[in-house]
Protein backbone atom coordinates (compact mmCIF):
# COMPACT_ATOMS: atom_id res chain seq x y z
CA MET A 1 -40.05 60.10 39.85
CA THR A 2 -39.35 63.57 38.18
CA ASN A 3 -38.49 64.77 41.68
CA PHE A 4 -36.08 61.78 42.49
CA PHE A 5 -33.01 63.75 42.24
CA SER A 6 -33.84 67.04 43.99
CA ASN A 7 -31.58 67.76 46.42
CA LYS A 8 -29.53 64.62 45.50
CA SER A 9 -25.83 64.69 44.88
CA VAL A 10 -25.17 62.23 41.93
CA VAL A 11 -22.09 61.25 40.29
CA ILE A 12 -22.71 60.06 36.63
CA TYR A 13 -20.61 57.02 34.96
CA GLY A 14 -19.99 57.44 31.48
CA PHE A 15 -19.81 60.58 29.11
CA GLY A 16 -21.54 59.38 26.12
CA ILE A 17 -24.83 60.53 24.90
CA ALA A 18 -26.93 59.15 27.69
CA GLY A 19 -24.62 60.55 30.60
CA LYS A 20 -24.69 64.22 28.90
CA TRP A 21 -28.61 63.34 28.97
CA LEU A 22 -28.84 62.29 32.40
CA SER A 23 -27.02 65.24 33.73
CA THR A 24 -28.92 67.88 32.18
CA TYR A 25 -31.97 66.17 33.47
CA ILE A 26 -30.57 65.89 37.10
CA HIS A 27 -29.73 69.83 36.93
CA TYR A 28 -33.44 70.27 35.55
CA HIS A 29 -34.92 68.70 38.51
CA GLY A 30 -33.02 70.22 41.20
CA GLY A 31 -30.07 67.66 41.83
CA THR A 32 -26.31 68.38 41.55
CA VAL A 33 -24.05 66.33 39.25
CA LEU A 34 -20.92 66.40 41.52
CA ALA A 35 -18.85 64.65 38.48
CA ILE A 36 -18.91 62.79 35.48
CA VAL A 37 -16.69 59.56 35.62
CA ASP A 38 -15.48 57.62 32.27
CA SER A 39 -12.51 55.21 31.37
CA ASP A 40 -11.79 57.17 28.27
CA GLU A 41 -8.54 59.37 28.76
CA LYS A 42 -9.54 61.50 26.02
CA LYS A 43 -12.60 62.91 27.68
CA HIS A 44 -11.05 63.82 31.01
CA SER A 45 -10.33 67.36 29.86
CA SER A 46 -13.68 67.78 28.89
CA THR A 47 -16.54 69.58 31.01
CA TYR A 48 -20.16 69.14 30.58
CA LEU A 49 -22.59 72.52 32.28
CA ASP A 50 -19.83 72.95 34.29
CA VAL A 51 -19.00 69.39 35.73
CA PRO A 52 -15.63 67.99 34.77
CA VAL A 53 -15.08 64.80 33.40
CA SER A 54 -12.85 62.53 35.44
CA SER A 55 -11.22 59.38 35.63
CA PRO A 56 -12.81 56.43 37.58
CA THR A 57 -10.02 56.44 40.31
CA ILE A 58 -12.08 59.86 41.66
CA LEU A 59 -14.53 57.27 43.13
CA GLN A 60 -11.93 56.17 45.43
CA SER A 61 -11.35 59.98 46.95
CA ASP A 62 -12.54 60.59 50.44
CA HIS A 63 -13.62 64.06 49.24
CA LEU A 64 -16.24 62.77 46.78
CA ASN A 65 -19.37 62.42 49.03
CA PHE A 66 -22.24 61.38 46.91
CA ASP A 67 -26.16 60.16 47.13
CA LEU A 68 -26.01 58.42 43.93
CA LEU A 69 -24.10 56.63 41.45
CA ILE A 70 -25.78 56.06 38.22
CA ASN A 71 -24.23 54.05 35.17
CA THR A 72 -25.13 55.32 32.08
CA ILE A 73 -22.92 53.14 29.74
CA ILE A 74 -24.49 50.64 27.33
CA ASP A 75 -21.99 47.89 27.95
CA ILE A 76 -23.12 47.32 31.24
CA GLN A 77 -21.32 44.11 31.64
CA ASP A 78 -18.04 45.54 31.80
CA ILE A 79 -18.43 47.66 35.16
CA HIS A 80 -21.74 46.58 36.75
CA SER A 81 -20.24 43.85 38.89
CA LYS A 82 -17.66 46.12 40.34
CA LEU A 83 -19.48 49.45 40.92
CA PHE A 84 -22.18 47.55 42.73
CA ALA A 85 -19.68 45.69 44.61
CA LEU A 86 -18.06 49.19 45.90
CA PHE A 87 -21.20 51.12 46.47
CA PRO A 88 -23.93 48.76 46.84
CA SER A 89 -26.24 51.26 48.57
CA GLN A 90 -25.61 54.01 46.22
CA TYR A 91 -25.47 52.46 42.67
CA LEU A 92 -28.39 52.76 39.95
CA SER A 93 -28.28 51.67 36.44
CA LEU A 94 -29.82 54.56 34.32
CA GLY A 95 -31.83 51.46 32.28
CA VAL A 96 -33.47 50.31 35.50
CA ILE A 97 -34.93 53.58 36.46
CA LEU A 98 -35.44 55.16 32.86
CA ASP A 99 -39.19 54.43 32.49
CA GLN A 100 -39.89 56.04 36.19
CA LEU A 101 -38.21 59.23 34.68
CA ASP A 102 -40.74 60.19 32.36
CA TYR A 103 -37.84 60.62 29.77
CA ALA A 104 -40.10 60.97 26.91
CA ASN A 105 -41.10 64.32 28.02
CA TYR A 106 -37.83 65.44 28.16
CA LEU A 107 -36.25 64.74 24.58
CA HIS A 108 -36.49 68.15 23.13
CA SER A 109 -33.55 70.67 22.07
CA ALA A 110 -32.72 71.73 25.82
CA PHE A 111 -31.94 68.32 26.64
CA LEU A 112 -29.89 67.59 23.45
CA PRO A 113 -25.97 67.83 24.11
CA ASP A 114 -25.34 71.05 22.41
CA THR A 115 -21.99 69.51 21.11
CA ASP A 116 -23.58 66.83 19.04
CA ASN A 117 -25.43 66.83 15.87
CA PHE A 118 -28.38 64.28 16.10
CA SER A 119 -31.92 64.24 16.17
CA SER A 120 -34.30 63.83 19.14
CA SER A 121 -35.36 60.69 17.86
CA PHE A 122 -31.64 59.67 17.79
CA LEU A 123 -31.45 60.67 21.36
CA GLU A 124 -34.58 58.66 22.20
CA GLN A 125 -33.18 55.34 20.60
CA THR A 126 -29.74 55.86 22.66
CA LEU A 127 -31.88 55.94 25.82
CA LEU A 128 -33.66 52.96 24.93
CA ALA A 129 -30.82 50.95 24.22
CA VAL A 130 -29.28 51.96 27.42
CA HIS A 131 -32.68 50.69 29.13
CA SER A 132 -33.10 47.43 27.09
CA CYS A 133 -29.55 46.33 27.57
CA HIS A 134 -29.02 47.03 31.17
CA LEU A 135 -32.49 44.93 31.72
CA ALA A 136 -31.41 41.98 29.45
CA TYR A 137 -27.83 41.77 31.15
CA LEU A 138 -29.56 41.94 34.48
CA ASP A 139 -31.94 39.05 33.52
CA PRO A 140 -29.88 35.51 34.27
CA ASN A 141 -32.10 33.70 32.18
CA VAL A 142 -31.50 35.95 28.90
CA VAL A 143 -29.07 35.62 26.36
CA TYR A 144 -28.64 39.04 24.49
CA LEU A 145 -26.63 40.98 22.24
CA ARG A 146 -26.21 44.81 22.76
CA SER A 147 -25.29 44.90 19.07
CA LEU A 148 -24.58 42.50 16.01
CA ASP A 149 -22.06 43.99 13.40
CA VAL A 150 -23.54 42.54 9.94
CA VAL A 151 -21.15 42.75 7.32
CA VAL A 152 -23.09 43.68 4.32
CA THR A 153 -19.92 44.49 1.88
CA GLU A 154 -15.89 44.55 1.83
CA ARG A 155 -16.32 47.15 -0.99
CA CYS A 156 -16.05 50.96 0.20
CA SER A 157 -16.35 54.08 -1.69
CA LEU A 158 -13.30 55.43 -0.01
CA LYS A 159 -9.99 53.63 0.71
CA CYS A 160 -8.71 54.79 3.99
CA MET A 161 -5.17 53.46 4.84
CA ASP A 162 -5.92 53.40 8.11
CA CYS A 163 -9.38 51.84 8.28
CA SER A 164 -10.13 49.87 11.65
CA ASN A 165 -12.19 47.36 9.45
CA LEU A 166 -9.28 46.62 7.15
CA MET A 167 -10.97 47.38 4.15
CA GLN A 168 -7.47 48.57 2.92
CA TYR A 169 -6.12 45.06 2.67
CA TYR A 170 -8.89 43.63 0.33
CA THR A 171 -7.38 42.69 -3.27
CA LYS A 172 -10.94 41.96 -4.70
CA PRO A 173 -13.70 43.12 -2.41
CA GLN A 174 -17.15 41.06 -2.82
CA ASN A 175 -20.56 41.99 -1.59
CA ILE A 176 -21.64 39.53 1.07
CA SER A 177 -24.39 36.87 -0.28
CA THR A 178 -27.75 38.00 1.05
CA ALA A 179 -28.28 34.11 1.69
CA ASP A 180 -25.49 33.82 3.74
CA ILE A 181 -26.12 36.95 5.90
CA PHE A 182 -29.60 35.80 6.73
CA SER A 183 -28.94 31.85 7.38
CA SER A 184 -26.41 33.14 9.90
CA ILE A 185 -28.83 35.21 11.65
CA ASP A 186 -31.56 32.77 11.47
CA ARG A 187 -29.21 30.18 13.08
CA LEU A 188 -27.59 32.52 15.64
CA LEU A 189 -31.45 33.58 16.73
CA GLU A 190 -32.15 29.88 17.75
CA SER A 191 -29.61 30.41 20.89
CA VAL A 192 -30.23 34.37 21.21
CA ASP A 193 -33.18 35.91 22.83
CA TYR A 194 -32.57 39.18 22.31
CA ILE A 195 -30.22 41.73 20.05
CA HIS A 196 -31.04 45.50 20.59
CA GLU A 197 -29.48 46.54 17.45
CA PHE A 198 -28.00 45.49 13.99
CA ARG A 199 -25.38 47.37 13.22
CA ILE A 200 -25.06 47.48 9.18
CA ILE A 201 -21.45 47.89 8.28
CA GLY A 202 -18.81 47.34 5.23
CA GLY A 203 -16.79 48.86 3.84
CA GLU A 204 -19.75 51.10 2.59
CA PRO A 205 -22.93 49.52 2.89
CA PHE A 206 -24.57 51.41 0.24
CA VAL A 207 -22.04 49.86 -2.26
CA ASN A 208 -24.01 46.93 -1.87
CA PRO A 209 -26.96 47.06 -4.82
CA LEU A 210 -29.14 44.85 -2.55
CA ILE A 211 -28.74 47.28 0.44
CA TYR A 212 -32.54 48.34 0.79
CA ASP A 213 -33.52 44.59 0.52
CA ILE A 214 -31.08 43.76 3.27
CA LEU A 215 -32.36 46.78 5.32
CA GLU A 216 -36.09 45.62 4.66
CA GLN A 217 -35.60 41.88 5.83
CA LEU A 218 -33.29 43.16 8.97
CA LEU A 219 -36.02 45.19 10.00
CA SER A 220 -38.54 42.32 10.11
CA TYR A 221 -36.84 40.41 12.95
CA GLU A 222 -38.98 40.99 15.93
CA ARG A 223 -36.57 40.06 18.36
CA VAL A 224 -34.38 42.89 17.30
CA ARG A 225 -35.15 46.46 18.25
CA VAL A 226 -33.39 48.58 15.74
CA ALA A 227 -31.22 48.58 12.78
CA THR A 228 -28.28 51.49 12.24
CA LEU A 229 -26.61 51.82 9.27
CA PHE A 230 -22.87 53.44 8.95
CA THR A 231 -22.34 55.50 6.07
CA ASN A 232 -19.62 58.01 4.67
CA ALA A 233 -22.40 59.85 2.64
CA THR A 234 -20.89 59.52 -0.38
CA ILE A 235 -23.63 57.65 -2.51
CA PRO A 236 -27.16 58.97 -3.22
CA LEU A 237 -29.90 57.81 -1.15
CA ASN A 238 -32.99 56.14 -2.42
CA HIS A 239 -35.63 58.12 -0.68
CA ASN A 240 -38.35 56.26 -1.79
CA ARG A 241 -37.05 52.73 -0.57
CA ILE A 242 -36.11 54.32 2.54
CA LEU A 243 -39.67 55.93 2.96
CA SER A 244 -40.83 52.28 2.64
CA LEU A 245 -39.13 50.73 5.64
CA PRO A 246 -40.26 51.30 9.46
CA LEU A 247 -38.84 54.32 10.19
CA ASP A 248 -39.32 54.29 13.67
CA ARG A 249 -36.88 51.22 13.99
CA LEU A 250 -34.21 52.60 11.43
CA ILE A 251 -30.85 54.92 12.47
CA PHE A 252 -28.59 56.28 10.33
CA SER A 253 -24.77 57.25 11.66
CA VAL A 254 -22.92 59.63 9.18
CA THR A 255 -19.28 59.97 9.49
CA ASP A 256 -18.49 63.35 7.47
CA TYR A 257 -15.22 63.36 6.12
CA GLY A 258 -15.49 66.55 5.03
CA THR A 259 -14.95 67.08 1.20
CA LEU A 260 -14.66 62.88 1.05
CA SER A 261 -18.55 62.97 2.08
CA PRO A 262 -20.11 65.39 -0.74
CA ARG A 263 -23.84 64.24 0.21
CA THR A 264 -23.80 64.83 4.13
CA THR A 265 -26.02 68.01 3.82
CA GLU A 266 -28.55 66.14 1.41
CA TYR A 267 -28.54 63.04 4.07
CA GLU A 268 -29.55 65.63 6.76
CA SER A 269 -31.72 67.60 5.11
CA PHE A 270 -33.87 64.32 4.21
CA PHE A 271 -33.55 62.68 7.42
CA ARG A 272 -35.03 65.91 9.25
CA GLN A 273 -37.63 66.09 6.74
CA HIS A 274 -38.96 62.88 7.46
CA ASP A 275 -38.34 62.92 11.23
CA ILE A 276 -35.61 59.91 10.90
CA ALA A 277 -33.41 59.17 13.48
CA TYR A 278 -29.81 60.15 12.81
CA ARG A 279 -26.36 61.49 14.05
CA ILE A 280 -23.89 63.24 12.12
CA HIS A 281 -20.34 63.66 13.31
CA PRO A 282 -16.76 63.88 11.89
CA PRO A 283 -14.33 60.83 12.14
CA GLU A 284 -13.77 60.58 15.90
CA TYR A 285 -10.62 59.24 17.57
CA TRP A 286 -8.85 57.09 15.12
CA THR A 287 -6.06 54.95 15.96
CA ASP A 288 -3.61 53.02 13.88
CA SER A 289 -5.58 49.97 15.14
CA GLY A 290 -6.08 49.23 11.24
CA THR A 291 -2.60 48.28 11.18
CA ILE A 292 -1.75 44.40 11.12
CA VAL A 293 1.29 43.67 12.97
CA SER A 294 3.12 40.02 12.41
CA ASP A 295 5.17 39.94 16.04
CA VAL A 296 3.23 37.37 17.82
CA LYS A 297 2.16 38.61 21.62
CA SER A 298 2.56 36.51 24.56
CA ILE A 299 -1.05 35.49 26.00
CA ASP A 300 -0.59 37.85 29.07
CA GLU A 301 0.04 40.61 26.28
CA MET A 302 -2.81 39.59 24.42
CA LYS A 303 -4.96 39.85 27.90
CA VAL A 304 -3.69 43.08 28.56
CA LEU A 305 -4.51 44.69 25.22
CA PHE A 306 -7.97 42.79 25.33
CA SER A 307 -8.97 44.35 28.51
CA GLU A 308 -8.29 47.89 27.25
CA CYS A 309 -9.86 47.54 24.33
CA CYS A 310 -12.81 49.60 23.77
CA GLY A 311 -13.95 47.75 20.42
CA LYS A 312 -14.07 44.31 22.32
CA ASN A 313 -18.13 44.22 22.39
CA LEU A 314 -18.54 45.11 18.63
CA PHE A 315 -19.95 41.59 17.90
CA THR A 316 -19.56 40.68 14.43
CA LEU A 317 -21.24 38.11 12.22
CA ILE A 318 -19.48 37.04 9.03
CA ASN A 319 -19.01 33.12 7.42
CA ASP A 320 -21.55 31.69 9.74
CA LYS A 321 -19.18 32.86 12.90
CA LEU A 322 -19.55 35.26 15.67
CA TYR A 323 -16.74 37.45 16.45
CA ARG A 324 -15.72 39.69 19.20
CA CYS A 325 -14.85 42.46 17.13
CA PRO A 326 -14.51 43.71 13.33
CA PHE A 327 -10.81 43.32 13.22
CA ALA A 328 -10.82 39.67 14.13
CA ALA A 329 -13.68 39.00 11.96
CA ASN A 330 -11.73 40.55 8.88
CA ILE A 331 -8.31 39.34 9.68
CA GLU A 332 -9.64 35.76 9.32
CA ASN A 333 -11.90 36.71 6.04
CA LEU A 334 -8.62 38.02 4.62
CA SER A 335 -6.40 35.38 4.92
CA PRO A 336 -6.66 31.65 6.85
CA LEU A 337 -3.25 32.31 8.05
CA PHE A 338 -4.82 34.16 10.89
CA SER A 339 -7.26 31.73 11.43
CA ASP A 340 -7.63 30.35 15.03
CA PRO A 341 -10.94 28.50 16.13
CA LEU A 342 -10.69 30.41 19.54
CA ASN A 343 -11.26 33.77 17.72
CA SER A 344 -14.99 33.05 17.22
CA VAL A 345 -18.13 31.08 18.07
CA SER A 346 -20.07 29.16 15.37
CA VAL A 347 -23.48 30.87 15.02
CA ASP A 348 -24.61 26.98 15.75
CA ALA A 349 -23.15 27.39 19.38
CA SER A 350 -25.06 26.12 22.04
CA ARG A 351 -26.89 28.82 24.77
CA SER A 352 -24.15 28.03 27.05
CA THR A 353 -21.04 28.29 24.57
CA LEU A 354 -22.38 31.39 23.36
CA ASN A 355 -22.68 32.73 26.78
CA SER A 356 -19.19 31.79 27.37
CA TYR A 357 -17.92 33.55 24.46
CA LEU A 358 -20.39 36.92 25.12
CA TYR A 359 -18.66 37.02 29.08
CA ASP A 360 -15.79 34.87 29.88
CA LEU A 361 -13.06 35.70 27.64
CA ASP A 362 -10.03 37.50 28.67
CA TYR A 363 -8.51 37.33 25.15
CA ILE A 364 -8.69 36.30 21.71
CA PRO A 365 -5.69 34.90 19.40
CA ALA A 366 -6.47 37.69 16.95
CA CYS A 367 -5.31 40.03 19.65
CA SER A 368 -1.69 38.77 18.80
CA PHE A 369 -1.92 40.87 15.03
CA CYS A 370 -3.61 43.81 16.38
CA LYS A 371 -1.71 47.21 17.47
CA GLY A 372 -4.52 47.72 20.27
CA ARG A 373 -7.59 49.93 20.28
CA SER A 374 -7.35 51.28 23.92
CA TYR A 375 -8.82 54.83 25.07
CA SER A 376 -5.14 55.71 25.75
CA SER A 377 -3.97 54.79 22.37
CA ARG A 378 -2.40 57.61 20.12
CA GLN A 379 -4.62 59.38 17.81
CA ILE A 380 -3.66 59.53 13.86
CA VAL A 381 -4.94 61.73 11.06
CA PRO A 382 -8.05 60.04 9.84
CA ALA A 383 -9.13 58.98 6.51
CA ILE A 384 -5.77 59.15 4.75
CA GLN A 385 -6.66 58.00 1.22
CA THR A 386 -4.71 55.38 -0.67
CA ARG A 387 -4.67 54.43 -4.29
CA HIS A 388 -3.29 50.83 -3.64
CA THR A 389 -4.25 47.78 -1.48
CA LEU A 390 -1.94 47.48 1.31
CA PRO A 391 -0.18 44.13 1.27
CA LEU A 392 -0.45 41.55 4.23
CA PRO A 393 2.21 41.25 6.44
CA LEU A 394 4.46 38.54 6.55
CA LEU A 395 4.15 36.36 9.49
CA ASN A 396 6.95 35.68 11.94
CA PRO A 397 7.75 31.96 12.71
């Protein structure tokens, strides 16, 4: 199918790594990318291979005549039904057609987006994620999670006052019990058929002295494809422990905070030497979504905030509960004053209850305390450090 795009005019939905790769692939195989569409307003001033990134409203233009519209975003559930209804004869999912594109032969440097610092193995893992998540979503008999944020610690080696995971509010941060982590995962997997990715987060995961044992056990789950560890490159790596792990299923995502991340170069050198999948990037699109607000919102206001949220599919596991996002998980973990049974679902929930939580919600009560995390949210200076724990707000009656 490498000639599938020859003389075809294509619109790509999604300006992420997969969308950039597909754009290069289409150009290479004789097709024309007319437009790249993305709902993130911050990307609309970008171009890629001289193709502008546009708002989804361009799809309604009478002047945009295309043969194919290809969806590359991993959270296919957010847009699939709408795109298929509008363009039933032109719409395709990248995940569905990927195997037919002989993609494994097109992961070399010419096909890597030139503005990003990541390995060809990271690119391959990204494409495989789109593939598996699209197929799982389109199978009505499968209950799946694109990703599961596994919180391994409340502690961090930095203290960013605007951390979106709310670490700046913890007065006595603790490492999460390993037994609790795996008890929750085991019970959740009784109702879930497939999880593409464990996202290992904190805090800073390497602060937890048991992190390598946790990694080893996470990578033993057969129904989970990969584990991605998110780190700030402040703590030395145990090279021997990492090399003892199944490296084809391990990914590192490194946020480089400049002088606050003194080991970024060391990390990259190690990853390159051992062909470990990685991405290194500066702090991206920080907003003040790490601020807890006390003004209670109406249900309509929460629905708007939820519909526009770019973090609502970051399903997070903590305290035997599954939450829609790290904000909701951590705000309840910080204080029972913020708790609401509708914020989460138990790891022991039935398949139908779990499926409803994954796909049918239009808000959660925790949205009332969030400033929002939309693509249009105002950006702020990232990683400003604070010496002191921030006080939780007093709730308005």
